[in-house]
Amino acid sequence: MKLEMARVPTEHGARYLQQLCKHWSHKLDVELDGSTGIVRFPDAVTTMTAEEDVLVVTVEAADEGTVERMKGVVAKHLDRFAFREAPLRFDWSKG
């Protein structure tokens, strides 16, 4: 499995996490437990954890191409919910 993680600076991570999990829960398997959300896509898993001033986002998939594609999907959706401070800064690193 390939994994990449980003620490996204924002004071509103908990709100964005909840909005995004609710949005995706209509079509995907989503777990939301307090400050952590897990979204299971058909070919990837995204985990988001809201901390005080950062949203930690991980994307895990079987291959690098899927990880790259899903990083874009997650960033695009988060920026949509964070329109007041978008674009958010995603500093991705390999896990």
N, C-alpha and C. Protein backbone atom coordinates (compact mmCIF):
# COMPACT_ATOMS: atom_id res chain seq x y z
N MET A 1 0.84 -1.19 0.00
CA MET A 1 0.00 0.00 0.00
C MET A 1 0.88 1.25 0.00
N LYS A 2 0.41 2.26 -0.69
CA LYS A 2 1.07 3.56 -0.73
C LYS A 2 0.30 4.52 0.15
N LEU A 3 1.03 5.38 0.86
CA LEU A 3 0.40 6.31 1.79
C LEU A 3 1.06 7.67 1.69
N GLU A 4 0.26 8.72 1.67
CA GLU A 4 0.78 10.08 1.76
C GLU A 4 -0.03 10.84 2.78
N MET A 5 0.63 11.78 3.46
CA MET A 5 0.00 12.56 4.52
C MET A 5 0.27 14.04 4.31
N ALA A 6 -0.72 14.85 4.67
CA ALA A 6 -0.54 16.30 4.63
C ALA A 6 -1.04 16.89 5.94
N ARG A 7 -0.32 17.89 6.42
CA ARG A 7 -0.77 18.67 7.57
C ARG A 7 -1.23 20.01 7.01
N VAL A 8 -2.54 20.22 7.01
CA VAL A 8 -3.16 21.38 6.36
C VAL A 8 -3.46 22.44 7.42
N PRO A 9 -2.77 23.58 7.37
CA PRO A 9 -3.00 24.61 8.38
C PRO A 9 -4.40 25.22 8.25
N THR A 10 -5.19 25.12 9.29
CA THR A 10 -6.52 25.74 9.37
C THR A 10 -7.02 25.65 10.80
N GLU A 11 -7.72 26.67 11.23
CA GLU A 11 -8.32 26.64 12.56
C GLU A 11 -9.72 26.02 12.51
N HIS A 12 -10.19 25.70 11.30
CA HIS A 12 -11.56 25.20 11.13
C HIS A 12 -11.59 23.74 10.68
N GLY A 13 -10.54 23.00 10.97
CA GLY A 13 -10.44 21.62 10.51
C GLY A 13 -11.59 20.75 10.96
N ALA A 14 -12.05 20.90 12.19
CA ALA A 14 -13.13 20.06 12.70
C ALA A 14 -14.41 20.29 11.89
N ARG A 15 -14.69 21.54 11.56
CA ARG A 15 -15.89 21.85 10.79
C ARG A 15 -15.79 21.28 9.38
N TYR A 16 -14.64 21.48 8.73
CA TYR A 16 -14.47 20.97 7.37
C TYR A 16 -14.54 19.44 7.34
N LEU A 17 -13.97 18.82 8.35
CA LEU A 17 -13.99 17.37 8.46
C LEU A 17 -15.43 16.86 8.53
N GLN A 18 -16.25 17.48 9.37
CA GLN A 18 -17.64 17.06 9.51
C GLN A 18 -18.42 17.30 8.21
N GLN A 19 -18.22 18.46 7.58
CA GLN A 19 -18.93 18.76 6.34
C GLN A 19 -18.56 17.76 5.24
N LEU A 20 -17.28 17.48 5.14
CA LEU A 20 -16.81 16.58 4.09
C LEU A 20 -17.30 15.15 4.33
N CYS A 21 -17.26 14.69 5.56
CA CYS A 21 -17.75 13.35 5.87
C CYS A 21 -19.25 13.25 5.59
N LYS A 22 -20.00 14.26 5.95
CA LYS A 22 -21.44 14.25 5.68
C LYS A 22 -21.69 14.23 4.16
N HIS A 23 -20.94 15.04 3.44
CA HIS A 23 -21.07 15.11 1.98
C HIS A 23 -20.82 13.74 1.34
N TRP A 24 -19.73 13.08 1.75
CA TRP A 24 -19.36 11.80 1.15
C TRP A 24 -20.18 10.64 1.66
N SER A 25 -20.82 10.79 2.81
CA SER A 25 -21.57 9.67 3.39
C SER A 25 -22.79 9.28 2.56
N HIS A 26 -23.21 10.13 1.64
CA HIS A 26 -24.35 9.81 0.78
C HIS A 26 -24.02 8.70 -0.22
N LYS A 27 -22.73 8.57 -0.56
CA LYS A 27 -22.35 7.59 -1.58
C LYS A 27 -21.25 6.63 -1.14
N LEU A 28 -20.59 6.91 -0.01
CA LEU A 28 -19.43 6.12 0.40
C LEU A 28 -19.59 5.66 1.84
N ASP A 29 -18.75 4.69 2.24
CA ASP A 29 -18.69 4.23 3.62
C ASP A 29 -17.86 5.24 4.41
N VAL A 30 -18.49 5.89 5.38
CA VAL A 30 -17.83 6.95 6.15
C VAL A 30 -18.00 6.66 7.64
N GLU A 31 -16.91 6.82 8.39
CA GLU A 31 -16.96 6.76 9.85
C GLU A 31 -16.55 8.12 10.37
N LEU A 32 -17.34 8.68 11.26
CA LEU A 32 -17.01 9.95 11.89
C LEU A 32 -17.08 9.76 13.38
N ASP A 33 -15.95 9.98 14.05
CA ASP A 33 -15.87 9.77 15.49
C ASP A 33 -15.13 10.95 16.10
N GLY A 34 -15.89 11.92 16.58
CA GLY A 34 -15.28 13.09 17.19
C GLY A 34 -14.47 13.89 16.18
N SER A 35 -13.16 13.93 16.38
CA SER A 35 -12.31 14.75 15.51
C SER A 35 -11.64 13.94 14.40
N THR A 36 -12.09 12.70 14.18
CA THR A 36 -11.50 11.86 13.14
C THR A 36 -12.58 11.33 12.21
N GLY A 37 -12.29 11.37 10.92
CA GLY A 37 -13.20 10.82 9.92
C GLY A 37 -12.43 9.91 8.98
N ILE A 38 -13.05 8.79 8.62
CA ILE A 38 -12.46 7.84 7.67
C ILE A 38 -13.44 7.68 6.52
N VAL A 39 -12.94 7.87 5.31
CA VAL A 39 -13.77 7.74 4.12
C VAL A 39 -13.19 6.63 3.26
N ARG A 40 -14.02 5.63 2.97
CA ARG A 40 -13.58 4.49 2.16
C ARG A 40 -14.10 4.64 0.73
N PHE A 41 -13.21 5.01 -0.15
CA PHE A 41 -13.52 5.10 -1.57
C PHE A 41 -13.36 3.70 -2.17
N PRO A 42 -13.83 3.47 -3.40
CA PRO A 42 -13.69 2.14 -3.99
C PRO A 42 -12.24 1.64 -4.06
N ASP A 43 -11.29 2.56 -4.26
CA ASP A 43 -9.89 2.13 -4.42
C ASP A 43 -8.91 2.88 -3.52
N ALA A 44 -9.42 3.54 -2.48
CA ALA A 44 -8.54 4.29 -1.57
C ALA A 44 -9.26 4.54 -0.25
N VAL A 45 -8.47 4.85 0.77
CA VAL A 45 -9.02 5.23 2.08
C VAL A 45 -8.39 6.56 2.47
N THR A 46 -9.23 7.51 2.87
CA THR A 46 -8.77 8.80 3.35
C THR A 46 -9.13 8.93 4.81
N THR A 47 -8.16 9.32 5.62
CA THR A 47 -8.39 9.56 7.04
C THR A 47 -8.07 11.02 7.32
N MET A 48 -8.96 11.69 8.05
CA MET A 48 -8.75 13.09 8.41
C MET A 48 -8.91 13.24 9.92
N THR A 49 -7.98 13.94 10.52
CA THR A 49 -8.02 14.20 11.95
C THR A 49 -7.84 15.69 12.19
N ALA A 50 -8.79 16.29 12.89
CA ALA A 50 -8.73 17.71 13.20
C ALA A 50 -7.98 17.92 14.50
N GLU A 51 -6.92 18.71 14.42
CA GLU A 51 -6.19 19.13 15.61
C GLU A 51 -6.45 20.63 15.79
N GLU A 52 -5.84 21.24 16.78
CA GLU A 52 -6.17 22.61 17.13
C GLU A 52 -6.03 23.59 15.96
N ASP A 53 -4.94 23.52 15.22
CA ASP A 53 -4.74 24.48 14.14
C ASP A 53 -4.30 23.82 12.84
N VAL A 54 -4.63 22.53 12.72
CA VAL A 54 -4.22 21.78 11.53
C VAL A 54 -5.21 20.63 11.29
N LEU A 55 -5.42 20.32 10.03
CA LEU A 55 -6.18 19.13 9.65
C LEU A 55 -5.19 18.16 9.04
N VAL A 56 -5.05 16.99 9.67
CA VAL A 56 -4.13 15.97 9.18
C VAL A 56 -4.91 15.06 8.23
N VAL A 57 -4.42 14.97 7.00
CA VAL A 57 -5.11 14.19 5.97
C VAL A 57 -4.17 13.11 5.47
N THR A 58 -4.64 11.86 5.44
CA THR A 58 -3.85 10.79 4.85
C THR A 58 -4.67 10.15 3.73
N VAL A 59 -3.97 9.75 2.69
CA VAL A 59 -4.58 9.02 1.58
C VAL A 59 -3.78 7.74 1.40
N GLU A 60 -4.49 6.61 1.38
CA GLU A 60 -3.85 5.31 1.24
C GLU A 60 -4.51 4.55 0.10
N ALA A 61 -3.69 3.99 -0.78
CA ALA A 61 -4.20 3.22 -1.91
C ALA A 61 -3.15 2.21 -2.34
N ALA A 62 -3.53 1.31 -3.22
CA ALA A 62 -2.63 0.24 -3.65
C ALA A 62 -1.50 0.73 -4.54
N ASP A 63 -1.72 1.82 -5.27
CA ASP A 63 -0.67 2.27 -6.19
C ASP A 63 -0.54 3.80 -6.16
N GLU A 64 0.62 4.25 -6.63
CA GLU A 64 0.96 5.68 -6.59
C GLU A 64 -0.01 6.53 -7.41
N GLY A 65 -0.44 6.01 -8.56
CA GLY A 65 -1.36 6.77 -9.41
C GLY A 65 -2.67 7.07 -8.71
N THR A 66 -3.20 6.08 -8.01
CA THR A 66 -4.46 6.26 -7.28
C THR A 66 -4.27 7.25 -6.13
N VAL A 67 -3.14 7.16 -5.43
CA VAL A 67 -2.86 8.10 -4.35
C VAL A 67 -2.83 9.53 -4.91
N GLU A 68 -2.14 9.73 -6.02
CA GLU A 68 -2.06 11.07 -6.63
C GLU A 68 -3.44 11.59 -7.01
N ARG A 69 -4.24 10.74 -7.63
CA ARG A 69 -5.59 11.15 -8.05
C ARG A 69 -6.44 11.51 -6.83
N MET A 70 -6.37 10.70 -5.78
CA MET A 70 -7.19 10.94 -4.60
C MET A 70 -6.74 12.16 -3.81
N LYS A 71 -5.45 12.45 -3.84
CA LYS A 71 -4.97 13.69 -3.21
C LYS A 71 -5.67 14.88 -3.85
N GLY A 72 -5.81 14.86 -5.17
CA GLY A 72 -6.49 15.94 -5.86
C GLY A 72 -7.97 16.01 -5.52
N VAL A 73 -8.61 14.85 -5.43
CA VAL A 73 -10.04 14.81 -5.08
C VAL A 73 -10.26 15.40 -3.69
N VAL A 74 -9.45 14.98 -2.72
CA VAL A 74 -9.59 15.45 -1.34
C VAL A 74 -9.32 16.95 -1.26
N ALA A 75 -8.26 17.41 -1.89
CA ALA A 75 -7.91 18.84 -1.85
C ALA A 75 -9.02 19.68 -2.48
N LYS A 76 -9.53 19.25 -3.62
CA LYS A 76 -10.58 19.99 -4.32
C LYS A 76 -11.83 20.11 -3.44
N HIS A 77 -12.23 19.01 -2.82
CA HIS A 77 -13.42 19.04 -1.98
C HIS A 77 -13.20 19.86 -0.71
N LEU A 78 -12.05 19.74 -0.09
CA LEU A 78 -11.78 20.54 1.11
C LEU A 78 -11.77 22.03 0.77
N ASP A 79 -11.17 22.39 -0.36
CA ASP A 79 -11.15 23.80 -0.75
C ASP A 79 -12.57 24.32 -1.00
N ARG A 80 -13.44 23.47 -1.49
CA ARG A 80 -14.83 23.89 -1.72
C ARG A 80 -15.51 24.24 -0.40
N PHE A 81 -15.28 23.44 0.64
CA PHE A 81 -15.89 23.73 1.94
C PHE A 81 -15.16 24.85 2.67
N ALA A 82 -13.89 25.05 2.34
CA ALA A 82 -13.08 26.08 3.00
C ALA A 82 -12.95 27.31 2.10
N PHE A 83 -14.02 27.63 1.37
CA PHE A 83 -13.91 28.68 0.36
C PHE A 83 -13.46 30.02 0.92
N ARG A 84 -13.72 30.29 2.19
CA ARG A 84 -13.29 31.57 2.78
C ARG A 84 -11.78 31.67 2.92
N GLU A 85 -11.10 30.52 3.04
CA GLU A 85 -9.64 30.55 3.19
C GLU A 85 -8.92 29.73 2.13
N ALA A 86 -9.66 29.29 1.13
CA ALA A 86 -9.06 28.49 0.05
C ALA A 86 -8.18 29.37 -0.84
N PRO A 87 -7.19 28.80 -1.48
CA PRO A 87 -6.86 27.38 -1.41
C PRO A 87 -6.05 27.06 -0.15
N LEU A 88 -6.39 25.95 0.47
CA LEU A 88 -5.64 25.48 1.63
C LEU A 88 -4.28 24.97 1.17
N ARG A 89 -3.31 24.98 2.09
CA ARG A 89 -1.96 24.52 1.75
C ARG A 89 -1.80 23.05 2.15
N PHE A 90 -1.59 22.21 1.15
CA PHE A 90 -1.37 20.79 1.37
C PHE A 90 0.10 20.50 1.13
N ASP A 91 0.83 20.20 2.18
CA ASP A 91 2.24 19.83 2.06
C ASP A 91 2.31 18.30 2.23
N TRP A 92 2.18 17.60 1.11
CA TRP A 92 2.13 16.14 1.13
C TRP A 92 3.52 15.53 1.37
N SER A 93 3.55 14.47 2.15
CA SER A 93 4.78 13.71 2.34
C SER A 93 4.43 12.22 2.34
N LYS A 94 5.35 11.42 1.91
CA LYS A 94 5.11 9.98 1.85
C LYS A 94 5.17 9.38 3.25
N GLY A 95 4.24 8.47 3.51
CA GLY A 95 4.15 7.87 4.85
C GLY A 95 4.92 6.59 4.95
